[in-house]
mmCIF file of all heavy atoms, coordinates in Angstrom:
data_MODEL
# 
_entry.id   MODEL 
# 
loop_
_atom_site.group_PDB 
_atom_site.id 
_atom_site.type_symbol 
_atom_site.label_atom_id 
_atom_site.label_alt_id 
_atom_site.label_comp_id 
_atom_site.label_asym_id 
_atom_site.label_entity_id 
_atom_site.label_seq_id 
_atom_site.pdbx_PDB_ins_code 
_atom_site.Cartn_x 
_atom_site.Cartn_y 
_atom_site.Cartn_z 
_atom_site.occupancy 
_atom_site.B_iso_or_equiv 
_atom_site.pdbx_formal_charge 
_atom_site.auth_seq_id 
_atom_site.auth_comp_id 
_atom_site.auth_asym_id 
_atom_site.auth_atom_id 
_atom_site.pdbx_PDB_model_num 
ATOM 1   N N   . LEU A 1 1  ? -4.734  -18.240 -1.798 1.00 0.00 ? 1  LEU A N   1 
ATOM 2   C CA  . LEU A 1 1  ? -5.692  -17.632 -0.888 1.00 0.00 ? 1  LEU A CA  1 
ATOM 3   C C   . LEU A 1 1  ? -6.957  -17.192 -1.614 1.00 0.00 ? 1  LEU A C   1 
ATOM 4   O O   . LEU A 1 1  ? -8.070  -17.354 -1.124 1.00 0.00 ? 1  LEU A O   1 
ATOM 5   C CB  . LEU A 1 1  ? -5.062  -16.443 -0.150 1.00 0.00 ? 1  LEU A CB  1 
ATOM 6   C CG  . LEU A 1 1  ? -4.010  -16.807 0.893  1.00 0.00 ? 1  LEU A CG  1 
ATOM 7   C CD1 . LEU A 1 1  ? -3.276  -15.556 1.383  1.00 0.00 ? 1  LEU A CD1 1 
ATOM 8   C CD2 . LEU A 1 1  ? -4.656  -17.542 2.057  1.00 0.00 ? 1  LEU A CD2 1 
ATOM 9   N N   . GLN A 1 2  ? -6.794  -16.629 -2.818 1.00 0.00 ? 2  GLN A N   1 
ATOM 10  C CA  . GLN A 1 2  ? -7.955  -16.215 -3.614 1.00 0.00 ? 2  GLN A CA  1 
ATOM 11  C C   . GLN A 1 2  ? -8.803  -17.432 -3.982 1.00 0.00 ? 2  GLN A C   1 
ATOM 12  O O   . GLN A 1 2  ? -10.032 -17.388 -3.895 1.00 0.00 ? 2  GLN A O   1 
ATOM 13  C CB  . GLN A 1 2  ? -7.501  -15.488 -4.877 1.00 0.00 ? 2  GLN A CB  1 
ATOM 14  C CG  . GLN A 1 2  ? -8.586  -14.723 -5.586 1.00 0.00 ? 2  GLN A CG  1 
ATOM 15  C CD  . GLN A 1 2  ? -9.045  -13.491 -4.805 1.00 0.00 ? 2  GLN A CD  1 
ATOM 16  O OE1 . GLN A 1 2  ? -8.238  -12.669 -4.395 1.00 0.00 ? 2  GLN A OE1 1 
ATOM 17  N NE2 . GLN A 1 2  ? -10.336 -13.383 -4.581 1.00 0.00 ? 2  GLN A NE2 1 
ATOM 18  N N   . ASP A 1 3  ? -8.143  -18.535 -4.351 1.00 0.00 ? 3  ASP A N   1 
ATOM 19  C CA  . ASP A 1 3  ? -8.860  -19.764 -4.657 1.00 0.00 ? 3  ASP A CA  1 
ATOM 20  C C   . ASP A 1 3  ? -9.607  -20.298 -3.428 1.00 0.00 ? 3  ASP A C   1 
ATOM 21  O O   . ASP A 1 3  ? -10.755 -20.739 -3.516 1.00 0.00 ? 3  ASP A O   1 
ATOM 22  C CB  . ASP A 1 3  ? -7.912  -20.844 -5.190 1.00 0.00 ? 3  ASP A CB  1 
ATOM 23  C CG  . ASP A 1 3  ? -7.319  -20.500 -6.538 1.00 0.00 ? 3  ASP A CG  1 
ATOM 24  O OD1 . ASP A 1 3  ? -7.821  -19.575 -7.226 1.00 0.00 ? 3  ASP A OD1 1 
ATOM 25  O OD2 . ASP A 1 3  ? -6.313  -21.157 -6.910 1.00 0.00 ? 3  ASP A OD2 1 
ATOM 26  N N   . PHE A 1 4  ? -8.952  -20.242 -2.279 1.00 0.00 ? 4  PHE A N   1 
ATOM 27  C CA  . PHE A 1 4  ? -9.592  -20.670 -1.019 1.00 0.00 ? 4  PHE A CA  1 
ATOM 28  C C   . PHE A 1 4  ? -10.831 -19.828 -0.751 1.00 0.00 ? 4  PHE A C   1 
ATOM 29  O O   . PHE A 1 4  ? -11.882 -20.364 -0.382 1.00 0.00 ? 4  PHE A O   1 
ATOM 30  C CB  . PHE A 1 4  ? -8.614  -20.583 0.137  1.00 0.00 ? 4  PHE A CB  1 
ATOM 31  C CG  . PHE A 1 4  ? -9.293  -20.708 1.483  1.00 0.00 ? 4  PHE A CG  1 
ATOM 32  C CD1 . PHE A 1 4  ? -9.692  -21.951 1.941  1.00 0.00 ? 4  PHE A CD1 1 
ATOM 33  C CD2 . PHE A 1 4  ? -9.545  -19.584 2.258  1.00 0.00 ? 4  PHE A CD2 1 
ATOM 34  C CE1 . PHE A 1 4  ? -10.333 -22.076 3.161  1.00 0.00 ? 4  PHE A CE1 1 
ATOM 35  C CE2 . PHE A 1 4  ? -10.180 -19.709 3.478  1.00 0.00 ? 4  PHE A CE2 1 
ATOM 36  C CZ  . PHE A 1 4  ? -10.580 -20.952 3.938  1.00 0.00 ? 4  PHE A CZ  1 
ATOM 37  N N   . LEU A 1 5  ? -10.729 -18.525 -0.942 1.00 0.00 ? 5  LEU A N   1 
ATOM 38  C CA  . LEU A 1 5  ? -11.866 -17.641 -0.699 1.00 0.00 ? 5  LEU A CA  1 
ATOM 39  C C   . LEU A 1 5  ? -13.030 -18.018 -1.615 1.00 0.00 ? 5  LEU A C   1 
ATOM 40  O O   . LEU A 1 5  ? -14.184 -18.061 -1.166 1.00 0.00 ? 5  LEU A O   1 
ATOM 41  C CB  . LEU A 1 5  ? -11.464 -16.185 -0.926 1.00 0.00 ? 5  LEU A CB  1 
ATOM 42  C CG  . LEU A 1 5  ? -12.544 -15.134 -0.680 1.00 0.00 ? 5  LEU A CG  1 
ATOM 43  C CD1 . LEU A 1 5  ? -13.049 -15.197 0.763  1.00 0.00 ? 5  LEU A CD1 1 
ATOM 44  C CD2 . LEU A 1 5  ? -12.000 -13.744 -1.006 1.00 0.00 ? 5  LEU A CD2 1 
ATOM 45  N N   . GLY A 1 6  ? -12.743 -18.330 -2.873 1.00 0.00 ? 6  GLY A N   1 
ATOM 46  C CA  . GLY A 1 6  ? -13.800 -18.755 -3.786 1.00 0.00 ? 6  GLY A CA  1 
ATOM 47  C C   . GLY A 1 6  ? -14.461 -20.052 -3.333 1.00 0.00 ? 6  GLY A C   1 
ATOM 48  O O   . GLY A 1 6  ? -15.692 -20.170 -3.353 1.00 0.00 ? 6  GLY A O   1 
ATOM 49  N N   . LEU A 1 7  ? -13.658 -21.018 -2.930 1.00 0.00 ? 7  LEU A N   1 
ATOM 50  C CA  . LEU A 1 7  ? -14.193 -22.300 -2.455 1.00 0.00 ? 7  LEU A CA  1 
ATOM 51  C C   . LEU A 1 7  ? -14.999 -22.133 -1.166 1.00 0.00 ? 7  LEU A C   1 
ATOM 52  O O   . LEU A 1 7  ? -16.076 -22.730 -0.998 1.00 0.00 ? 7  LEU A O   1 
ATOM 53  C CB  . LEU A 1 7  ? -13.066 -23.307 -2.229 1.00 0.00 ? 7  LEU A CB  1 
ATOM 54  C CG  . LEU A 1 7  ? -12.356 -23.796 -3.487 1.00 0.00 ? 7  LEU A CG  1 
ATOM 55  C CD1 . LEU A 1 7  ? -11.119 -24.586 -3.120 1.00 0.00 ? 7  LEU A CD1 1 
ATOM 56  C CD2 . LEU A 1 7  ? -13.310 -24.632 -4.332 1.00 0.00 ? 7  LEU A CD2 1 
ATOM 57  N N   . ALA A 1 8  ? -14.496 -21.273 -0.269 1.00 0.00 ? 8  ALA A N   1 
ATOM 58  C CA  . ALA A 1 8  ? -15.217 -21.032 0.977  1.00 0.00 ? 8  ALA A CA  1 
ATOM 59  C C   . ALA A 1 8  ? -16.548 -20.338 0.703  1.00 0.00 ? 8  ALA A C   1 
ATOM 60  O O   . ALA A 1 8  ? -17.555 -20.636 1.350  1.00 0.00 ? 8  ALA A O   1 
ATOM 61  C CB  . ALA A 1 8  ? -14.362 -20.187 1.924  1.00 0.00 ? 8  ALA A CB  1 
ATOM 62  N N   . GLY A 1 9  ? -16.573 -19.441 -0.269 1.00 0.00 ? 9  GLY A N   1 
ATOM 63  C CA  . GLY A 1 9  ? -17.813 -18.774 -0.647 1.00 0.00 ? 9  GLY A CA  1 
ATOM 64  C C   . GLY A 1 9  ? -18.830 -19.754 -1.195 1.00 0.00 ? 9  GLY A C   1 
ATOM 65  O O   . GLY A 1 9  ? -20.022 -19.694 -0.856 1.00 0.00 ? 9  GLY A O   1 
ATOM 66  N N   . THR A 1 10 ? -18.357 -20.667 -2.037 1.00 0.00 ? 10 THR A N   1 
ATOM 67  C CA  . THR A 1 10 ? -19.245 -21.698 -2.585 1.00 0.00 ? 10 THR A CA  1 
ATOM 68  C C   . THR A 1 10 ? -19.790 -22.583 -1.469 1.00 0.00 ? 10 THR A C   1 
ATOM 69  O O   . THR A 1 10 ? -20.996 -22.895 -1.422 1.00 0.00 ? 10 THR A O   1 
ATOM 70  C CB  . THR A 1 10 ? -18.500 -22.549 -3.632 1.00 0.00 ? 10 THR A CB  1 
ATOM 71  O OG1 . THR A 1 10 ? -18.078 -21.685 -4.687 1.00 0.00 ? 10 THR A OG1 1 
ATOM 72  C CG2 . THR A 1 10 ? -19.386 -23.650 -4.185 1.00 0.00 ? 10 THR A CG2 1 
ATOM 73  N N   . TRP A 1 11 ? -18.913 -22.991 -0.544 1.00 0.00 ? 11 TRP A N   1 
ATOM 74  C CA  . TRP A 1 11 ? -19.338 -23.814 0.595  1.00 0.00 ? 11 TRP A CA  1 
ATOM 75  C C   . TRP A 1 11 ? -20.380 -23.071 1.425  1.00 0.00 ? 11 TRP A C   1 
ATOM 76  O O   . TRP A 1 11 ? -21.409 -23.643 1.808  1.00 0.00 ? 11 TRP A O   1 
ATOM 77  C CB  . TRP A 1 11 ? -18.123 -24.182 1.467  1.00 0.00 ? 11 TRP A CB  1 
ATOM 78  C CG  . TRP A 1 11 ? -18.493 -25.024 2.639  1.00 0.00 ? 11 TRP A CG  1 
ATOM 79  C CD1 . TRP A 1 11 ? -18.537 -26.375 2.701  1.00 0.00 ? 11 TRP A CD1 1 
ATOM 80  C CD2 . TRP A 1 11 ? -18.885 -24.547 3.925  1.00 0.00 ? 11 TRP A CD2 1 
ATOM 81  N NE1 . TRP A 1 11 ? -18.933 -26.780 3.947  1.00 0.00 ? 11 TRP A NE1 1 
ATOM 82  C CE2 . TRP A 1 11 ? -19.146 -25.670 4.723  1.00 0.00 ? 11 TRP A CE2 1 
ATOM 83  C CE3 . TRP A 1 11 ? -19.020 -23.281 4.491  1.00 0.00 ? 11 TRP A CE3 1 
ATOM 84  C CZ2 . TRP A 1 11 ? -19.556 -25.562 6.053  1.00 0.00 ? 11 TRP A CZ2 1 
ATOM 85  C CZ3 . TRP A 1 11 ? -19.444 -23.179 5.816  1.00 0.00 ? 11 TRP A CZ3 1 
ATOM 86  C CH2 . TRP A 1 11 ? -19.698 -24.325 6.576  1.00 0.00 ? 11 TRP A CH2 1 
ATOM 87  N N   . ALA A 1 12 ? -20.118 -21.791 1.702  1.00 0.00 ? 12 ALA A N   1 
ATOM 88  C CA  . ALA A 1 12 ? -21.053 -21.005 2.525  1.00 0.00 ? 12 ALA A CA  1 
ATOM 89  C C   . ALA A 1 12 ? -22.412 -20.890 1.840  1.00 0.00 ? 12 ALA A C   1 
ATOM 90  O O   . ALA A 1 12 ? -23.453 -20.960 2.496  1.00 0.00 ? 12 ALA A O   1 
ATOM 91  C CB  . ALA A 1 12 ? -20.462 -19.636 2.802  1.00 0.00 ? 12 ALA A CB  1 
ATOM 92  N N   . GLU A 1 13 ? -22.415 -20.714 0.526  1.00 0.00 ? 13 GLU A N   1 
ATOM 93  C CA  . GLU A 1 13 ? -23.686 -20.628 -0.199 1.00 0.00 ? 13 GLU A CA  1 
ATOM 94  C C   . GLU A 1 13 ? -24.491 -21.916 -0.080 1.00 0.00 ? 13 GLU A C   1 
ATOM 95  O O   . GLU A 1 13 ? -25.714 -21.893 0.013  1.00 0.00 ? 13 GLU A O   1 
ATOM 96  C CB  . GLU A 1 13 ? -23.433 -20.304 -1.662 1.00 0.00 ? 13 GLU A CB  1 
ATOM 97  C CG  . GLU A 1 13 ? -22.983 -18.878 -1.911 1.00 0.00 ? 13 GLU A CG  1 
ATOM 98  C CD  . GLU A 1 13 ? -22.524 -18.653 -3.337 1.00 0.00 ? 13 GLU A CD  1 
ATOM 99  O OE1 . GLU A 1 13 ? -22.621 -19.572 -4.175 1.00 0.00 ? 13 GLU A OE1 1 
ATOM 100 O OE2 . GLU A 1 13 ? -22.058 -17.527 -3.609 1.00 0.00 ? 13 GLU A OE2 1 
ATOM 101 N N   . GLN A 1 14 ? -23.786 -23.032 -0.060 1.00 0.00 ? 14 GLN A N   1 
ATOM 102 C CA  . GLN A 1 14 ? -24.455 -24.348 0.013  1.00 0.00 ? 14 GLN A CA  1 
ATOM 103 C C   . GLN A 1 14 ? -24.918 -24.692 1.438  1.00 0.00 ? 14 GLN A C   1 
ATOM 104 O O   . GLN A 1 14 ? -25.958 -25.305 1.632  1.00 0.00 ? 14 GLN A O   1 
ATOM 105 C CB  . GLN A 1 14 ? -23.535 -25.442 -0.501 1.00 0.00 ? 14 GLN A CB  1 
ATOM 106 C CG  . GLN A 1 14 ? -23.248 -25.352 -1.974 1.00 0.00 ? 14 GLN A CG  1 
ATOM 107 C CD  . GLN A 1 14 ? -22.152 -26.313 -2.424 1.00 0.00 ? 14 GLN A CD  1 
ATOM 108 O OE1 . GLN A 1 14 ? -21.547 -27.009 -1.623 1.00 0.00 ? 14 GLN A OE1 1 
ATOM 109 N NE2 . GLN A 1 14 ? -21.899 -26.330 -3.728 1.00 0.00 ? 14 GLN A NE2 1 
ATOM 110 N N   . HIS A 1 15 ? -24.112 -24.324 2.432  1.00 0.00 ? 15 HIS A N   1 
ATOM 111 C CA  . HIS A 1 15 ? -24.372 -24.755 3.799  1.00 0.00 ? 15 HIS A CA  1 
ATOM 112 C C   . HIS A 1 15 ? -24.918 -23.679 4.722  1.00 0.00 ? 15 HIS A C   1 
ATOM 113 O O   . HIS A 1 15 ? -25.514 -24.008 5.764  1.00 0.00 ? 15 HIS A O   1 
ATOM 114 C CB  . HIS A 1 15 ? -23.100 -25.370 4.408  1.00 0.00 ? 15 HIS A CB  1 
ATOM 115 C CG  . HIS A 1 15 ? -22.609 -26.564 3.652  1.00 0.00 ? 15 HIS A CG  1 
ATOM 116 N ND1 . HIS A 1 15 ? -23.145 -27.812 3.845  1.00 0.00 ? 15 HIS A ND1 1 
ATOM 117 C CD2 . HIS A 1 15 ? -21.670 -26.685 2.686  1.00 0.00 ? 15 HIS A CD2 1 
ATOM 118 C CE1 . HIS A 1 15 ? -22.533 -28.674 3.036  1.00 0.00 ? 15 HIS A CE1 1 
ATOM 119 N NE2 . HIS A 1 15 ? -21.641 -28.014 2.329  1.00 0.00 ? 15 HIS A NE2 1 
ATOM 120 N N   . LEU A 1 16 ? -24.687 -22.429 4.387  1.00 0.00 ? 16 LEU A N   1 
ATOM 121 C CA  . LEU A 1 16 ? -25.135 -21.312 5.219  1.00 0.00 ? 16 LEU A CA  1 
ATOM 122 C C   . LEU A 1 16 ? -25.745 -20.217 4.329  1.00 0.00 ? 16 LEU A C   1 
ATOM 123 O O   . LEU A 1 16 ? -25.311 -19.071 4.366  1.00 0.00 ? 16 LEU A O   1 
ATOM 124 C CB  . LEU A 1 16 ? -23.952 -20.709 5.993  1.00 0.00 ? 16 LEU A CB  1 
ATOM 125 C CG  . LEU A 1 16 ? -23.103 -21.631 6.842  1.00 0.00 ? 16 LEU A CG  1 
ATOM 126 C CD1 . LEU A 1 16 ? -21.821 -20.954 7.261  1.00 0.00 ? 16 LEU A CD1 1 
ATOM 127 C CD2 . LEU A 1 16 ? -23.890 -22.065 8.061  1.00 0.00 ? 16 LEU A CD2 1 
ATOM 128 N N   . PRO A 1 17 ? -26.722 -20.549 3.527  1.00 0.00 ? 17 PRO A N   1 
ATOM 129 C CA  . PRO A 1 17 ? -27.196 -19.591 2.537  1.00 0.00 ? 17 PRO A CA  1 
ATOM 130 C C   . PRO A 1 17 ? -27.621 -18.243 3.123  1.00 0.00 ? 17 PRO A C   1 
ATOM 131 O O   . PRO A 1 17 ? -27.404 -17.209 2.504  1.00 0.00 ? 17 PRO A O   1 
ATOM 132 C CB  . PRO A 1 17 ? -28.367 -20.301 1.861  1.00 0.00 ? 17 PRO A CB  1 
ATOM 133 C CG  . PRO A 1 17 ? -28.721 -21.444 2.745  1.00 0.00 ? 17 PRO A CG  1 
ATOM 134 C CD  . PRO A 1 17 ? -27.491 -21.783 3.524  1.00 0.00 ? 17 PRO A CD  1 
ATOM 135 N N   . ALA A 1 18 ? -28.171 -18.231 4.308  1.00 0.00 ? 18 ALA A N   1 
ATOM 136 C CA  . ALA A 1 18 ? -28.603 -16.967 4.913  1.00 0.00 ? 18 ALA A CA  1 
ATOM 137 C C   . ALA A 1 18 ? -27.418 -16.114 5.370  1.00 0.00 ? 18 ALA A C   1 
ATOM 138 O O   . ALA A 1 18 ? -27.570 -14.903 5.569  1.00 0.00 ? 18 ALA A O   1 
ATOM 139 C CB  . ALA A 1 18 ? -29.542 -17.240 6.082  1.00 0.00 ? 18 ALA A CB  1 
ATOM 140 N N   . HIS A 1 19 ? -26.264 -16.739 5.525  1.00 0.00 ? 19 HIS A N   1 
ATOM 141 C CA  . HIS A 1 19 ? -25.092 -16.018 6.049  1.00 0.00 ? 19 HIS A CA  1 
ATOM 142 C C   . HIS A 1 19 ? -23.909 -16.019 5.088  1.00 0.00 ? 19 HIS A C   1 
ATOM 143 O O   . HIS A 1 19 ? -22.839 -15.522 5.426  1.00 0.00 ? 19 HIS A O   1 
ATOM 144 C CB  . HIS A 1 19 ? -24.650 -16.642 7.373  1.00 0.00 ? 19 HIS A CB  1 
ATOM 145 C CG  . HIS A 1 19 ? -25.744 -16.699 8.388  1.00 0.00 ? 19 HIS A CG  1 
ATOM 146 N ND1 . HIS A 1 19 ? -26.176 -15.596 9.077  1.00 0.00 ? 19 HIS A ND1 1 
ATOM 147 C CD2 . HIS A 1 19 ? -26.519 -17.738 8.804  1.00 0.00 ? 19 HIS A CD2 1 
ATOM 148 C CE1 . HIS A 1 19 ? -27.163 -15.943 9.883  1.00 0.00 ? 19 HIS A CE1 1 
ATOM 149 N NE2 . HIS A 1 19 ? -27.394 -17.241 9.731  1.00 0.00 ? 19 HIS A NE2 1 
ATOM 150 N N   . ALA A 1 20 ? -24.094 -16.553 3.909  1.00 0.00 ? 20 ALA A N   1 
ATOM 151 C CA  . ALA A 1 20 ? -22.975 -16.723 2.969  1.00 0.00 ? 20 ALA A CA  1 
ATOM 152 C C   . ALA A 1 20 ? -22.287 -15.403 2.647  1.00 0.00 ? 20 ALA A C   1 
ATOM 153 O O   . ALA A 1 20 ? -21.049 -15.333 2.648  1.00 0.00 ? 20 ALA A O   1 
ATOM 154 C CB  . ALA A 1 20 ? -23.471 -17.396 1.694  1.00 0.00 ? 20 ALA A CB  1 
ATOM 155 N N   . ALA A 1 21 ? -23.038 -14.369 2.383  1.00 0.00 ? 21 ALA A N   1 
ATOM 156 C CA  . ALA A 1 21 ? -22.424 -13.084 2.034  1.00 0.00 ? 21 ALA A CA  1 
ATOM 157 C C   . ALA A 1 21 ? -21.596 -12.533 3.183  1.00 0.00 ? 21 ALA A C   1 
ATOM 158 O O   . ALA A 1 21 ? -20.471 -12.053 2.979  1.00 0.00 ? 21 ALA A O   1 
ATOM 159 C CB  . ALA A 1 21 ? -23.504 -12.082 1.621  1.00 0.00 ? 21 ALA A CB  1 
ATOM 160 N N   . ALA A 1 22 ? -22.119 -12.647 4.406  1.00 0.00 ? 22 ALA A N   1 
ATOM 161 C CA  . ALA A 1 22 ? -21.385 -12.136 5.572  1.00 0.00 ? 22 ALA A CA  1 
ATOM 162 C C   . ALA A 1 22 ? -20.116 -12.945 5.837  1.00 0.00 ? 22 ALA A C   1 
ATOM 163 O O   . ALA A 1 22 ? -19.064 -12.398 6.145  1.00 0.00 ? 22 ALA A O   1 
ATOM 164 C CB  . ALA A 1 22 ? -22.280 -12.141 6.804  1.00 0.00 ? 22 ALA A CB  1 
ATOM 165 N N   . VAL A 1 23 ? -20.245 -14.281 5.706  1.00 0.00 ? 23 VAL A N   1 
ATOM 166 C CA  . VAL A 1 23 ? -19.076 -15.150 5.926  1.00 0.00 ? 23 VAL A CA  1 
ATOM 167 C C   . VAL A 1 23 ? -18.000 -14.857 4.886  1.00 0.00 ? 23 VAL A C   1 
ATOM 168 O O   . VAL A 1 23 ? -16.813 -14.692 5.209  1.00 0.00 ? 23 VAL A O   1 
ATOM 169 C CB  . VAL A 1 23 ? -19.481 -16.635 5.885  1.00 0.00 ? 23 VAL A CB  1 
ATOM 170 C CG1 . VAL A 1 23 ? -18.267 -17.552 5.800  1.00 0.00 ? 23 VAL A CG1 1 
ATOM 171 C CG2 . VAL A 1 23 ? -20.339 -16.992 7.091  1.00 0.00 ? 23 VAL A CG2 1 
ATOM 172 N N   . THR A 1 24 ? -18.394 -14.759 3.631  1.00 0.00 ? 24 THR A N   1 
ATOM 173 C CA  . THR A 1 24 ? -17.433 -14.485 2.558  1.00 0.00 ? 24 THR A CA  1 
ATOM 174 C C   . THR A 1 24 ? -16.796 -13.119 2.721  1.00 0.00 ? 24 THR A C   1 
ATOM 175 O O   . THR A 1 24 ? -15.588 -12.969 2.544  1.00 0.00 ? 24 THR A O   1 
ATOM 176 C CB  . THR A 1 24 ? -18.129 -14.601 1.181  1.00 0.00 ? 24 THR A CB  1 
ATOM 177 O OG1 . THR A 1 24 ? -18.699 -15.909 1.067  1.00 0.00 ? 24 THR A OG1 1 
ATOM 178 C CG2 . THR A 1 24 ? -17.137 -14.400 0.050  1.00 0.00 ? 24 THR A CG2 1 
ATOM 179 N N   . ALA A 1 25 ? -17.587 -12.119 3.103  1.00 0.00 ? 25 ALA A N   1 
ATOM 180 C CA  . ALA A 1 25 ? -17.040 -10.771 3.322  1.00 0.00 ? 25 ALA A CA  1 
ATOM 181 C C   . ALA A 1 25 ? -16.054 -10.766 4.475  1.00 0.00 ? 25 ALA A C   1 
ATOM 182 O O   . ALA A 1 25 ? -14.995 -10.126 4.411  1.00 0.00 ? 25 ALA A O   1 
ATOM 183 C CB  . ALA A 1 25 ? -18.166 -9.785  3.572  1.00 0.00 ? 25 ALA A CB  1 
ATOM 184 N N   . ALA A 1 26 ? -16.373 -11.492 5.555  1.00 0.00 ? 26 ALA A N   1 
ATOM 185 C CA  . ALA A 1 26 ? -15.475 -11.553 6.710  1.00 0.00 ? 26 ALA A CA  1 
ATOM 186 C C   . ALA A 1 26 ? -14.151 -12.222 6.339  1.00 0.00 ? 26 ALA A C   1 
ATOM 187 O O   . ALA A 1 26 ? -13.073 -11.758 6.708  1.00 0.00 ? 26 ALA A O   1 
ATOM 188 C CB  . ALA A 1 26 ? -16.147 -12.275 7.864  1.00 0.00 ? 26 ALA A CB  1 
# 
């Protein structure tokens, strides 16, 4: 799960840069 969270954060930074922090926090 921790690895998934890291990968999802990287994906969000690439595809949703304006929302990456919020997506990762959620």
